[in-house]
Amino acid sequence: MIGGGAFTAFADQLIDKLPEGTIGLLGEGEDAILKLIEGRSIEDERYIIKESGRIRKGQQGSPALLDALTVDLPYLNLPAIRGLPRRSDRRADQARLSL
């Protein structure tokens, strides 16, 4: 079994170089791994496998809808992280540099 960002990006090129029967998980693979451990089918997951010289792919599934994010993005005040200057401080620094 193989997965990760690099494999997901280059799955079609890499699957031919892997041993027969290697399952390549595309994108988020946690659910597929759990199904495999439990002996369940992964046909509805995103995967690629080469068996008997033929390449077979699972369903692509639906992409995540960005409008359906559950994260409260305004809550993430990233400049407030310790050690980073606040936006107002950066503007003041830029104004001083342009003098």
PDB file of N, CA and C in Angstrom:
ATOM      1  N   MET A   1       0.850  -1.166   0.000  1.00  0.00           N
ATOM      2  CA  MET A   1       0.000   0.000   0.000  1.00  0.00           C
ATOM      3  C   MET A   1       0.901   1.236   0.000  1.00  0.00           C
ATOM      4  N   ILE A   2       0.497   2.224  -0.772  1.00  0.00           N
ATOM      5  CA  ILE A   2       1.250   3.470  -0.865  1.00  0.00           C
ATOM      6  C   ILE A   2       0.246   4.618  -0.977  1.00  0.00           C
ATOM      7  N   GLY A   3       0.660   5.793  -0.561  1.00  0.00           N
ATOM      8  CA  GLY A   3      -0.201   6.963  -0.658  1.00  0.00           C
ATOM      9  C   GLY A   3       0.615   8.215  -0.454  1.00  0.00           C
ATOM     10  N   GLY A   4      -0.054   9.310  -0.194  1.00  0.00           N
ATOM     11  CA  GLY A   4       0.625  10.578   0.046  1.00  0.00           C
ATOM     12  C   GLY A   4       0.447  11.530  -1.119  1.00  0.00           C
ATOM     13  N   GLY A   5       0.872  12.754  -0.893  1.00  0.00           N
ATOM     14  CA  GLY A   5       0.702  13.804  -1.889  1.00  0.00           C
ATOM     15  C   GLY A   5       1.429  13.540  -3.193  1.00  0.00           C
ATOM     16  N   ALA A   6       2.673  13.087  -3.106  1.00  0.00           N
ATOM     17  CA  ALA A   6       3.446  12.835  -4.326  1.00  0.00           C
ATOM     18  C   ALA A   6       2.840  11.686  -5.120  1.00  0.00           C
ATOM     19  N   PHE A   7       2.428  10.627  -4.414  1.00  0.00           N
ATOM     20  CA  PHE A   7       1.813   9.509  -5.135  1.00  0.00           C
ATOM     21  C   PHE A   7       0.504   9.942  -5.778  1.00  0.00           C
ATOM     22  N   THR A   8      -0.307  10.708  -5.060  1.00  0.00           N
ATOM     23  CA  THR A   8      -1.585  11.173  -5.605  1.00  0.00           C
ATOM     24  C   THR A   8      -1.359  11.991  -6.874  1.00  0.00           C
ATOM     25  N   ALA A   9      -0.345  12.843  -6.869  1.00  0.00           N
ATOM     26  CA  ALA A   9      -0.073  13.708  -8.023  1.00  0.00           C
ATOM     27  C   ALA A   9       0.437  12.927  -9.231  1.00  0.00           C
ATOM     28  N   PHE A  10       1.180  11.846  -8.990  1.00  0.00           N
ATOM     29  CA  PHE A  10       1.819  11.106 -10.085  1.00  0.00           C
ATOM     30  C   PHE A  10       1.400   9.643 -10.131  1.00  0.00           C
ATOM     31  N   ALA A  11       0.204   9.340  -9.658  1.00  0.00           N
ATOM     32  CA  ALA A  11      -0.253   7.947  -9.540  1.00  0.00           C
ATOM     33  C   ALA A  11      -0.187   7.191 -10.860  1.00  0.00           C
ATOM     34  N   ASP A  12      -0.640   7.793 -11.937  1.00  0.00           N
ATOM     35  CA  ASP A  12      -0.668   7.095 -13.226  1.00  0.00           C
ATOM     36  C   ASP A  12       0.735   6.732 -13.713  1.00  0.00           C
ATOM     37  N   GLN A  13       1.716   7.563 -13.402  1.00  0.00           N
ATOM     38  CA  GLN A  13       3.084   7.271 -13.816  1.00  0.00           C
ATOM     39  C   GLN A  13       3.758   6.271 -12.867  1.00  0.00           C
ATOM     40  N   LEU A  14       3.438   6.353 -11.580  1.00  0.00           N
ATOM     41  CA  LEU A  14       4.120   5.521 -10.592  1.00  0.00           C
ATOM     42  C   LEU A  14       3.575   4.104 -10.492  1.00  0.00           C
ATOM     43  N   ILE A  15       2.295   3.895 -10.741  1.00  0.00           N
ATOM     44  CA  ILE A  15       1.694   2.578 -10.524  1.00  0.00           C
ATOM     45  C   ILE A  15       2.375   1.502 -11.366  1.00  0.00           C
ATOM     46  N   ASP A  16       2.840   1.843 -12.556  1.00  0.00           N
ATOM     47  CA  ASP A  16       3.531   0.862 -13.408  1.00  0.00           C
ATOM     48  C   ASP A  16       4.876   0.440 -12.842  1.00  0.00           C
ATOM     49  N   LYS A  17       5.472   1.267 -12.021  1.00  0.00           N
ATOM     50  CA  LYS A  17       6.795   0.978 -11.469  1.00  0.00           C
ATOM     51  C   LYS A  17       6.725   0.186 -10.159  1.00  0.00           C
ATOM     52  N   LEU A  18       5.525   0.006  -9.621  1.00  0.00           N
ATOM     53  CA  LEU A  18       5.347  -0.677  -8.337  1.00  0.00           C
ATOM     54  C   LEU A  18       5.050  -2.153  -8.555  1.00  0.00           C
ATOM     55  N   PRO A  19       5.334  -2.980  -7.537  1.00  0.00           N
ATOM     56  CA  PRO A  19       5.038  -4.413  -7.666  1.00  0.00           C
ATOM     57  C   PRO A  19       3.550  -4.668  -7.907  1.00  0.00           C
ATOM     58  N   GLU A  20       3.271  -5.699  -8.677  1.00  0.00           N
ATOM     59  CA  GLU A  20       1.892  -6.123  -8.958  1.00  0.00           C
ATOM     60  C   GLU A  20       1.110  -6.264  -7.654  1.00  0.00           C
ATOM     61  N   GLY A  21      -0.101  -5.732  -7.632  1.00  0.00           N
ATOM     62  CA  GLY A  21      -0.961  -5.858  -6.458  1.00  0.00           C
ATOM     63  C   GLY A  21      -0.825  -4.747  -5.439  1.00  0.00           C
ATOM     64  N   THR A  22       0.108  -3.817  -5.660  1.00  0.00           N
ATOM     65  CA  THR A  22       0.248  -2.689  -4.734  1.00  0.00           C
ATOM     66  C   THR A  22      -0.963  -1.776  -4.878  1.00  0.00           C
ATOM     67  N   ILE A  23      -1.578  -1.452  -3.750  1.00  0.00           N
ATOM     68  CA  ILE A  23      -2.727  -0.543  -3.753  1.00  0.00           C
ATOM     69  C   ILE A  23      -2.211   0.869  -3.514  1.00  0.00           C
ATOM     70  N   GLY A  24      -2.531   1.783  -4.402  1.00  0.00           N
ATOM     71  CA  GLY A  24      -2.185   3.185  -4.237  1.00  0.00           C
ATOM     72  C   GLY A  24      -3.416   3.970  -3.834  1.00  0.00           C
ATOM     73  N   LEU A  25      -3.351   4.615  -2.687  1.00  0.00           N
ATOM     74  CA  LEU A  25      -4.480   5.416  -2.204  1.00  0.00           C
ATOM     75  C   LEU A  25      -4.289   6.858  -2.647  1.00  0.00           C
ATOM     76  N   LEU A  26      -5.342   7.444  -3.168  1.00  0.00           N
ATOM     77  CA  LEU A  26      -5.289   8.799  -3.699  1.00  0.00           C
ATOM     78  C   LEU A  26      -6.016   9.747  -2.764  1.00  0.00           C
ATOM     79  N   GLY A  27      -5.409  10.885  -2.503  1.00  0.00           N
ATOM     80  CA  GLY A  27      -6.030  11.867  -1.611  1.00  0.00           C
ATOM     81  C   GLY A  27      -6.016  11.373  -0.177  1.00  0.00           C
ATOM     82  N   GLU A  28      -7.058  11.702   0.551  1.00  0.00           N
ATOM     83  CA  GLU A  28      -7.170  11.281   1.949  1.00  0.00           C
ATOM     84  C   GLU A  28      -7.441   9.782   1.994  1.00  0.00           C
ATOM     85  N   GLY A  29      -6.565   9.030   2.624  1.00  0.00           N
ATOM     86  CA  GLY A  29      -6.688   7.580   2.588  1.00  0.00           C
ATOM     87  C   GLY A  29      -7.092   6.923   3.886  1.00  0.00           C
ATOM     88  N   GLU A  30      -7.392   7.718   4.921  1.00  0.00           N
ATOM     89  CA  GLU A  30      -7.687   7.127   6.227  1.00  0.00           C
ATOM     90  C   GLU A  30      -8.880   6.177   6.190  1.00  0.00           C
ATOM     91  N   ASP A  31      -9.954   6.579   5.520  1.00  0.00           N
ATOM     92  CA  ASP A  31     -11.142   5.718   5.451  1.00  0.00           C
ATOM     93  C   ASP A  31     -10.840   4.431   4.692  1.00  0.00           C
ATOM     94  N   ALA A  32     -10.090   4.543   3.608  1.00  0.00           N
ATOM     95  CA  ALA A  32      -9.749   3.357   2.821  1.00  0.00           C
ATOM     96  C   ALA A  32      -8.874   2.403   3.626  1.00  0.00           C
ATOM     97  N   ILE A  33      -7.918   2.937   4.379  1.00  0.00           N
ATOM     98  CA  ILE A  33      -7.055   2.085   5.200  1.00  0.00           C
ATOM     99  C   ILE A  33      -7.884   1.345   6.233  1.00  0.00           C
ATOM    100  N   LEU A  34      -8.791   2.037   6.889  1.00  0.00           N
ATOM    101  CA  LEU A  34      -9.651   1.404   7.886  1.00  0.00           C
ATOM    102  C   LEU A  34     -10.486   0.288   7.254  1.00  0.00           C
ATOM    103  N   LYS A  35     -11.034   0.554   6.072  1.00  0.00           N
ATOM    104  CA  LYS A  35     -11.819  -0.470   5.384  1.00  0.00           C
ATOM    105  C   LYS A  35     -10.967  -1.695   5.063  1.00  0.00           C
ATOM    106  N   LEU A  36      -9.742  -1.476   4.593  1.00  0.00           N
ATOM    107  CA  LEU A  36      -8.863  -2.599   4.280  1.00  0.00           C
ATOM    108  C   LEU A  36      -8.541  -3.418   5.525  1.00  0.00           C
ATOM    109  N   ILE A  37      -8.263  -2.740   6.628  1.00  0.00           N
ATOM    110  CA  ILE A  37      -7.960  -3.432   7.884  1.00  0.00           C
ATOM    111  C   ILE A  37      -9.150  -4.273   8.330  1.00  0.00           C
ATOM    112  N   GLU A  38     -10.349  -3.735   8.135  1.00  0.00           N
ATOM    113  CA  GLU A  38     -11.570  -4.435   8.549  1.00  0.00           C
ATOM    114  C   GLU A  38     -12.044  -5.452   7.515  1.00  0.00           C
ATOM    115  N   GLY A  39     -11.323  -5.568   6.392  1.00  0.00           N
ATOM    116  CA  GLY A  39     -11.685  -6.539   5.369  1.00  0.00           C
ATOM    117  C   GLY A  39     -12.861  -6.125   4.501  1.00  0.00           C
ATOM    118  N   ARG A  40     -13.177  -4.832   4.487  1.00  0.00           N
ATOM    119  CA  ARG A  40     -14.294  -4.334   3.683  1.00  0.00           C
ATOM    120  C   ARG A  40     -13.803  -3.874   2.316  1.00  0.00           C
ATOM    121  N   SER A  41     -14.724  -3.726   1.391  1.00  0.00           N
ATOM    122  CA  SER A  41     -14.420  -3.277   0.037  1.00  0.00           C
ATOM    123  C   SER A  41     -14.032  -1.797   0.035  1.00  0.00           C
ATOM    124  N   ILE A  42     -13.103  -1.455  -0.857  1.00  0.00           N
ATOM    125  CA  ILE A  42     -12.727  -0.044  -1.033  1.00  0.00           C
ATOM    126  C   ILE A  42     -13.167   0.468  -2.405  1.00  0.00           C
ATOM    127  N   GLU A  43     -14.106  -0.227  -3.034  1.00  0.00           N
ATOM    128  CA  GLU A  43     -14.550   0.162  -4.377  1.00  0.00           C
ATOM    129  C   GLU A  43     -15.068   1.594  -4.448  1.00  0.00           C
ATOM    130  N   ASP A  44     -15.604   2.112  -3.348  1.00  0.00           N
ATOM    131  CA  ASP A  44     -16.130   3.482  -3.367  1.00  0.00           C
ATOM    132  C   ASP A  44     -15.096   4.504  -2.913  1.00  0.00           C
ATOM    133  N   GLU A  45     -13.845   4.082  -2.771  1.00  0.00           N
ATOM    134  CA  GLU A  45     -12.757   4.979  -2.368  1.00  0.00           C
ATOM    135  C   GLU A  45     -11.903   5.323  -3.582  1.00  0.00           C
ATOM    136  N   ARG A  46     -11.048   6.314  -3.419  1.00  0.00           N
ATOM    137  CA  ARG A  46     -10.122   6.702  -4.488  1.00  0.00           C
ATOM    138  C   ARG A  46      -8.849   5.875  -4.350  1.00  0.00           C
ATOM    139  N   TYR A  47      -8.638   4.955  -5.279  1.00  0.00           N
ATOM    140  CA  TYR A  47      -7.445   4.118  -5.256  1.00  0.00           C
ATOM    141  C   TYR A  47      -7.085   3.732  -6.686  1.00  0.00           C
ATOM    142  N   ILE A  48      -5.893   3.176  -6.833  1.00  0.00           N
ATOM    143  CA  ILE A  48      -5.442   2.642  -8.114  1.00  0.00           C
ATOM    144  C   ILE A  48      -4.640   1.384  -7.794  1.00  0.00           C
ATOM    145  N   ILE A  49      -4.797   0.355  -8.620  1.00  0.00           N
ATOM    146  CA  ILE A  49      -4.086  -0.904  -8.399  1.00  0.00           C
ATOM    147  C   ILE A  49      -3.802  -1.547  -9.753  1.00  0.00           C
ATOM    148  N   LYS A  50      -2.650  -2.221  -9.846  1.00  0.00           N
ATOM    149  CA  LYS A  50      -2.327  -2.972 -11.058  1.00  0.00           C
ATOM    150  C   LYS A  50      -2.434  -4.457 -10.718  1.00  0.00           C
ATOM    151  N   GLU A  51      -3.354  -5.136 -11.397  1.00  0.00           N
ATOM    152  CA  GLU A  51      -3.554  -6.566 -11.195  1.00  0.00           C
ATOM    153  C   GLU A  51      -3.557  -7.258 -12.552  1.00  0.00           C
ATOM    154  N   SER A  52      -2.778  -8.315 -12.677  1.00  0.00           N
ATOM    155  CA  SER A  52      -2.708  -9.082 -13.932  1.00  0.00           C
ATOM    156  C   SER A  52      -2.394  -8.184 -15.125  1.00  0.00           C
ATOM    157  N   GLY A  53      -1.526  -7.197 -14.903  1.00  0.00           N
ATOM    158  CA  GLY A  53      -1.113  -6.301 -15.968  1.00  0.00           C
ATOM    159  C   GLY A  53      -2.118  -5.221 -16.331  1.00  0.00           C
ATOM    160  N   ARG A  54      -3.260  -5.202 -15.675  1.00  0.00           N
ATOM    161  CA  ARG A  54      -4.286  -4.190 -15.955  1.00  0.00           C
ATOM    162  C   ARG A  54      -4.396  -3.231 -14.783  1.00  0.00           C
ATOM    163  N   ILE A  55      -4.643  -1.965 -15.096  1.00  0.00           N
ATOM    164  CA  ILE A  55      -4.784  -0.945 -14.052  1.00  0.00           C
ATOM    165  C   ILE A  55      -6.269  -0.724 -13.799  1.00  0.00           C
ATOM    166  N   ARG A  56      -6.625  -0.752 -12.524  1.00  0.00           N
ATOM    167  CA  ARG A  56      -8.018  -0.548 -12.119  1.00  0.00           C
ATOM    168  C   ARG A  56      -8.050   0.599 -11.117  1.00  0.00           C
ATOM    169  N   LYS A  57      -9.078   1.440 -11.238  1.00  0.00           N
ATOM    170  CA  LYS A  57      -9.215   2.587 -10.334  1.00  0.00           C
ATOM    171  C   LYS A  57     -10.557   2.524  -9.627  1.00  0.00           C
ATOM    172  N   GLY A  58     -10.568   2.990  -8.385  1.00  0.00           N
ATOM    173  CA  GLY A  58     -11.817   3.124  -7.651  1.00  0.00           C
ATOM    174  C   GLY A  58     -12.524   4.395  -8.075  1.00  0.00           C
ATOM    175  N   GLN A  59     -13.702   4.596  -7.530  1.00  0.00           N
ATOM    176  CA  GLN A  59     -14.465   5.797  -7.856  1.00  0.00           C
ATOM    177  C   GLN A  59     -13.720   7.032  -7.382  1.00  0.00           C
ATOM    178  N   GLN A  60     -13.880   8.089  -8.133  1.00  0.00           N
ATOM    179  CA  GLN A  60     -13.225   9.339  -7.758  1.00  0.00           C
ATOM    180  C   GLN A  60     -13.910  10.007  -6.582  1.00  0.00           C
ATOM    181  N   GLY A  61     -15.197   9.796  -6.415  1.00  0.00           N
ATOM    182  CA  GLY A  61     -15.894  10.473  -5.332  1.00  0.00           C
ATOM    183  C   GLY A  61     -16.121  11.936  -5.663  1.00  0.00           C
ATOM    184  N   SER A  62     -16.838  12.598  -4.823  1.00  0.00           N
ATOM    185  CA  SER A  62     -17.141  14.012  -5.027  1.00  0.00           C
ATOM    186  C   SER A  62     -16.075  14.875  -4.370  1.00  0.00           C
ATOM    187  N   PRO A  63     -15.656  15.939  -5.030  1.00  0.00           N
ATOM    188  CA  PRO A  63     -14.694  16.839  -4.391  1.00  0.00           C
ATOM    189  C   PRO A  63     -15.345  17.573  -3.222  1.00  0.00           C
ATOM    190  N   ALA A  64     -14.521  17.991  -2.295  1.00  0.00           N
ATOM    191  CA  ALA A  64     -15.026  18.751  -1.148  1.00  0.00           C
ATOM    192  C   ALA A  64     -15.548  20.102  -1.626  1.00  0.00           C
ATOM    193  N   LEU A  65     -16.668  20.506  -1.094  1.00  0.00           N
ATOM    194  CA  LEU A  65     -17.235  21.807  -1.435  1.00  0.00           C
ATOM    195  C   LEU A  65     -16.646  22.865  -0.514  1.00  0.00           C
ATOM    196  N   LEU A  66     -15.999  23.848  -1.088  1.00  0.00           N
ATOM    197  CA  LEU A  66     -15.348  24.870  -0.275  1.00  0.00           C
ATOM    198  C   LEU A  66     -16.356  25.705   0.500  1.00  0.00           C
ATOM    199  N   ASP A  67     -17.567  25.830  -0.030  1.00  0.00           N
ATOM    200  CA  ASP A  67     -18.601  26.581   0.685  1.00  0.00           C
ATOM    201  C   ASP A  67     -19.058  25.858   1.947  1.00  0.00           C
ATOM    202  N   ALA A  68     -18.752  24.581   2.038  1.00  0.00           N
ATOM    203  CA  ALA A  68     -19.219  23.784   3.173  1.00  0.00           C
ATOM    204  C   ALA A  68     -18.144  23.635   4.253  1.00  0.00           C
ATOM    205  N   LEU A  69     -17.157  24.516   4.253  1.00  0.00           N
ATOM    206  CA  LEU A  69     -16.109  24.434   5.271  1.00  0.00           C
ATOM    207  C   LEU A  69     -16.708  24.566   6.661  1.00  0.00           C
ATOM    208  N   THR A  70     -16.245  23.736   7.568  1.00  0.00           N
ATOM    209  CA  THR A  70     -16.749  23.803   8.937  1.00  0.00           C
ATOM    210  C   THR A  70     -15.848  24.648   9.824  1.00  0.00           C
ATOM    211  N   VAL A  71     -14.761  25.149   9.276  1.00  0.00           N
ATOM    212  CA  VAL A  71     -13.825  25.961  10.045  1.00  0.00           C
ATOM    213  C   VAL A  71     -14.288  27.413  10.010  1.00  0.00           C
ATOM    214  N   ASP A  72     -14.287  28.051  11.161  1.00  0.00           N
ATOM    215  CA  ASP A  72     -14.634  29.466  11.246  1.00  0.00           C
ATOM    216  C   ASP A  72     -13.374  30.253  10.884  1.00  0.00           C
ATOM    217  N   LEU A  73     -13.201  30.553   9.599  1.00  0.00           N
ATOM    218  CA  LEU A  73     -11.960  31.173   9.134  1.00  0.00           C
ATOM    219  C   LEU A  73     -11.640  32.504   9.807  1.00  0.00           C
ATOM    220  N   PRO A  74     -12.606  33.406  10.045  1.00  0.00           N
ATOM    221  CA  PRO A  74     -12.254  34.642  10.746  1.00  0.00           C
ATOM    222  C   PRO A  74     -11.685  34.381  12.147  1.00  0.00           C
ATOM    223  N   TYR A  75     -12.030  33.243  12.738  1.00  0.00           N
ATOM    224  CA  TYR A  75     -11.516  32.891  14.060  1.00  0.00           C
ATOM    225  C   TYR A  75     -10.006  32.659  14.019  1.00  0.00           C
ATOM    226  N   LEU A  76      -9.508  32.225  12.868  1.00  0.00           N
ATOM    227  CA  LEU A  76      -8.080  31.960  12.732  1.00  0.00           C
ATOM    228  C   LEU A  76      -7.347  33.271  12.473  1.00  0.00           C
ATOM    229  N   ASN A  77      -6.945  33.928  13.515  1.00  0.00           N
ATOM    230  CA  ASN A  77      -6.259  35.208  13.408  1.00  0.00           C
ATOM    231  C   ASN A  77      -4.761  34.931  13.323  1.00  0.00           C
ATOM    232  N   LEU A  78      -4.299  34.531  12.157  1.00  0.00           N
ATOM    233  CA  LEU A  78      -2.926  34.068  12.002  1.00  0.00           C
ATOM    234  C   LEU A  78      -1.864  35.101  12.376  1.00  0.00           C
ATOM    235  N   PRO A  79      -2.014  36.392  12.073  1.00  0.00           N
ATOM    236  CA  PRO A  79      -0.975  37.333  12.492  1.00  0.00           C
ATOM    237  C   PRO A  79      -0.830  37.431  14.005  1.00  0.00           C
ATOM    238  N   ALA A  80      -1.810  36.956  14.749  1.00  0.00           N
ATOM    239  CA  ALA A  80      -1.723  37.019  16.206  1.00  0.00           C
ATOM    240  C   ALA A  80      -0.850  35.907  16.779  1.00  0.00           C
ATOM    241  N   ILE A  81      -0.332  35.039  15.924  1.00  0.00           N
ATOM    242  CA  ILE A  81       0.548  33.984  16.409  1.00  0.00           C
ATOM    243  C   ILE A  81       1.801  34.633  16.981  1.00  0.00           C
ATOM    244  N   ARG A  82       2.236  34.144  18.120  1.00  0.00           N
ATOM    245  CA  ARG A  82       3.377  34.730  18.811  1.00  0.00           C
ATOM    246  C   ARG A  82       4.592  34.831  17.881  1.00  0.00           C
ATOM    247  N   GLY A  83       5.200  35.960  17.868  1.00  0.00           N
ATOM    248  CA  GLY A  83       6.409  36.170  17.090  1.00  0.00           C
ATOM    249  C   GLY A  83       6.173  36.813  15.732  1.00  0.00           C
ATOM    250  N   LEU A  84       4.944  36.806  15.246  1.00  0.00           N
ATOM    251  CA  LEU A  84       4.663  37.432  13.960  1.00  0.00           C
ATOM    252  C   LEU A  84       4.152  38.848  14.186  1.00  0.00           C
ATOM    253  N   PRO A  85       4.607  39.788  13.380  1.00  0.00           N
ATOM    254  CA  PRO A  85       4.107  41.159  13.553  1.00  0.00           C
ATOM    255  C   PRO A  85       2.642  41.255  13.148  1.00  0.00           C
ATOM    256  N   ARG A  86       1.939  42.150  13.810  1.00  0.00           N
ATOM    257  CA  ARG A  86       0.547  42.407  13.440  1.00  0.00           C
ATOM    258  C   ARG A  86       0.511  43.149  12.116  1.00  0.00           C
ATOM    259  N   ARG A  87      -0.599  43.057  11.423  1.00  0.00           N
ATOM    260  CA  ARG A  87      -0.737  43.702  10.120  1.00  0.00           C
ATOM    261  C   ARG A  87      -0.456  45.200  10.221  1.00  0.00           C
ATOM    262  N   SER A  88      -0.957  45.855  11.277  1.00  0.00           N
ATOM    263  CA  SER A  88      -0.737  47.298  11.433  1.00  0.00           C
ATOM    264  C   SER A  88       0.747  47.596  11.631  1.00  0.00           C
ATOM    265  N   ASP A  89       1.471  46.715  12.329  1.00  0.00           N
ATOM    266  CA  ASP A  89       2.911  46.896  12.513  1.00  0.00           C
ATOM    267  C   ASP A  89       3.640  46.780  11.179  1.00  0.00           C
ATOM    268  N   ARG A  90       3.216  45.863  10.333  1.00  0.00           N
ATOM    269  CA  ARG A  90       3.871  45.689   9.030  1.00  0.00           C
ATOM    270  C   ARG A  90       3.668  46.916   8.160  1.00  0.00           C
ATOM    271  N   ARG A  91       2.468  47.490   8.208  1.00  0.00           N
ATOM    272  CA  ARG A  91       2.216  48.700   7.409  1.00  0.00           C
ATOM    273  C   ARG A  91       3.106  49.847   7.872  1.00  0.00           C
ATOM    274  N   ALA A  92       3.267  49.982   9.174  1.00  0.00           N
ATOM    275  CA  ALA A  92       4.128  51.045   9.706  1.00  0.00           C
ATOM    276  C   ALA A  92       5.569  50.813   9.270  1.00  0.00           C
ATOM    277  N   ASP A  93       6.029  49.560   9.308  1.00  0.00           N
ATOM    278  CA  ASP A  93       7.389  49.242   8.868  1.00  0.00           C
ATOM    279  C   ASP A  93       7.570  49.568   7.388  1.00  0.00           C
ATOM    280  N   GLN A  94       6.582  49.226   6.573  1.00  0.00           N
ATOM    281  CA  GLN A  94       6.671  49.504   5.142  1.00  0.00           C
ATOM    282  C   GLN A  94       6.697  51.005   4.876  1.00  0.00           C
ATOM    283  N   ALA A  95       5.925  51.769   5.636  1.00  0.00           N
ATOM    284  CA  ALA A  95       5.906  53.229   5.469  1.00  0.00           C
ATOM    285  C   ALA A  95       7.270  53.809   5.813  1.00  0.00           C
ATOM    286  N   ARG A  96       7.895  53.311   6.888  1.00  0.00           N
ATOM    287  CA  ARG A  96       9.225  53.809   7.265  1.00  0.00           C
ATOM    288  C   ARG A  96      10.260  53.461   6.204  1.00  0.00           C
ATOM    289  N   LEU A  97      10.149  52.280   5.606  1.00  0.00           N
ATOM    290  CA  LEU A  97      11.116  51.864   4.594  1.00  0.00           C
ATOM    291  C   LEU A  97      11.001  52.686   3.316  1.00  0.00           C
ATOM    292  N   SER A  98       9.811  53.188   3.026  1.00  0.00           N
ATOM    293  CA  SER A  98       9.627  53.929   1.779  1.00  0.00           C
ATOM    294  C   SER A  98      10.080  55.381   1.889  1.00  0.00           C
ATOM    295  N   LEU A  99      10.470  55.826   3.081  1.00  0.00           N
ATOM    296  CA  LEU A  99      10.920  57.220   3.245  1.00  0.00           C
ATOM    297  C   LEU A  99      12.263  57.461   2.648  1.00  0.00           C
TER     298      LEU A  99
END
